[in-house]
Protein backbone atom coordinates (compact mmCIF):
# COMPACT_ATOMS: atom_id res chain seq x y z
CA MET A 1 14.75 41.99 3.54
CA THR A 2 17.70 41.12 1.17
CA ARG A 3 16.65 37.64 0.54
CA GLY A 4 12.89 38.07 -0.14
CA LYS A 5 12.88 37.20 -3.50
CA GLN A 6 15.06 34.12 -3.01
CA LYS A 7 13.01 32.84 -0.16
CA ILE A 8 9.75 33.07 -2.01
CA GLU A 9 11.41 30.92 -5.03
CA ALA A 10 12.73 28.40 -2.79
CA GLN A 11 9.46 28.06 -1.36
CA ARG A 12 7.78 27.98 -4.78
CA LYS A 13 10.39 25.21 -6.01
CA ASN A 14 9.93 23.18 -2.60
CA ALA A 15 6.31 23.47 -3.16
CA GLU A 16 6.54 22.21 -6.81
CA LYS A 17 8.72 19.22 -5.76
CA ASN A 18 6.57 17.96 -3.18
CA GLN A 19 3.35 18.13 -4.86
CA LYS A 20 4.88 15.83 -7.67
CA SER A 21 5.73 12.98 -5.36
CA LYS A 22 2.41 13.15 -3.69
CA GLY A 23 -0.26 10.82 -5.31
CA SER A 24 -2.60 7.51 -5.29
CA GLN A 25 -0.84 4.11 -3.99
CA PHE A 26 -3.97 2.19 -5.28
CA GLU A 27 -2.06 0.90 -8.27
CA ALA A 28 0.87 -0.25 -6.28
CA ARG A 29 -1.20 -1.84 -3.52
CA ALA A 30 -3.17 -3.79 -6.38
CA VAL A 31 0.26 -5.23 -7.77
CA ALA A 32 1.32 -5.93 -4.29
CA LEU A 33 -1.61 -8.02 -3.10
CA LYS A 34 -1.85 -11.32 -5.10
CA VAL A 35 -3.53 -13.65 -2.63
CA ILE A 36 -7.46 -13.55 -2.28
CA CYS A 37 -9.09 -15.14 0.69
CA PRO A 38 -11.73 -17.49 -0.78
CA ILE A 39 -14.12 -17.09 2.50
CA CYS A 40 -14.06 -13.44 2.49
CA LYS A 41 -12.37 -12.12 -0.37
CA ALA A 42 -9.71 -10.23 1.89
CA GLN A 43 -6.56 -9.40 -0.11
CA LEU A 44 -3.47 -10.78 1.05
CA ALA A 45 0.25 -10.50 -0.19
CA ASN A 46 1.49 -14.09 0.51
CA GLN A 47 0.60 -17.52 1.28
CA ASN A 48 2.05 -17.12 4.82
CA GLN A 49 -0.25 -14.04 5.57
CA LEU A 50 -3.11 -16.15 4.17
CA ASN A 51 -2.50 -18.91 6.98
CA ASP A 52 -2.10 -16.08 9.54
CA HIS A 53 -5.65 -14.66 8.41
CA TYR A 54 -7.14 -18.44 8.21
CA SER A 55 -6.19 -18.82 12.03
CA SER A 56 -7.19 -15.25 13.33
CA LYS A 57 -10.30 -14.64 11.05
CA HIS A 58 -11.49 -18.20 10.25
CA PRO A 59 -10.40 -20.78 13.10
CA LYS A 60 -12.82 -23.72 12.10
CA GLU A 61 -11.77 -23.45 8.28
CA LYS A 62 -8.54 -25.31 6.92
CA PRO A 63 -6.32 -22.95 4.71
CA PRO A 64 -6.12 -23.94 1.10
CA SER A 65 -3.01 -25.68 0.00
CA ASN A 66 -0.09 -23.76 -1.58
CA SER A 67 -1.38 -24.03 -5.30
CA GLU A 68 0.28 -20.96 -6.57
């Protein structure tokens, strides 16, 4: 095996590179979800999603006005 050492070094570098990019996305998700349903406290990204959420999850209720 003439490339044994090169192969091991390349695998080590790739492992380090891939390990750094992985992580939790809780912070990014918390920043993106800005609208909260006042009935069930579901977090949504925008007013349009809140309107869709109301029509599917709370059909008897009226969605709140766009007061942002």
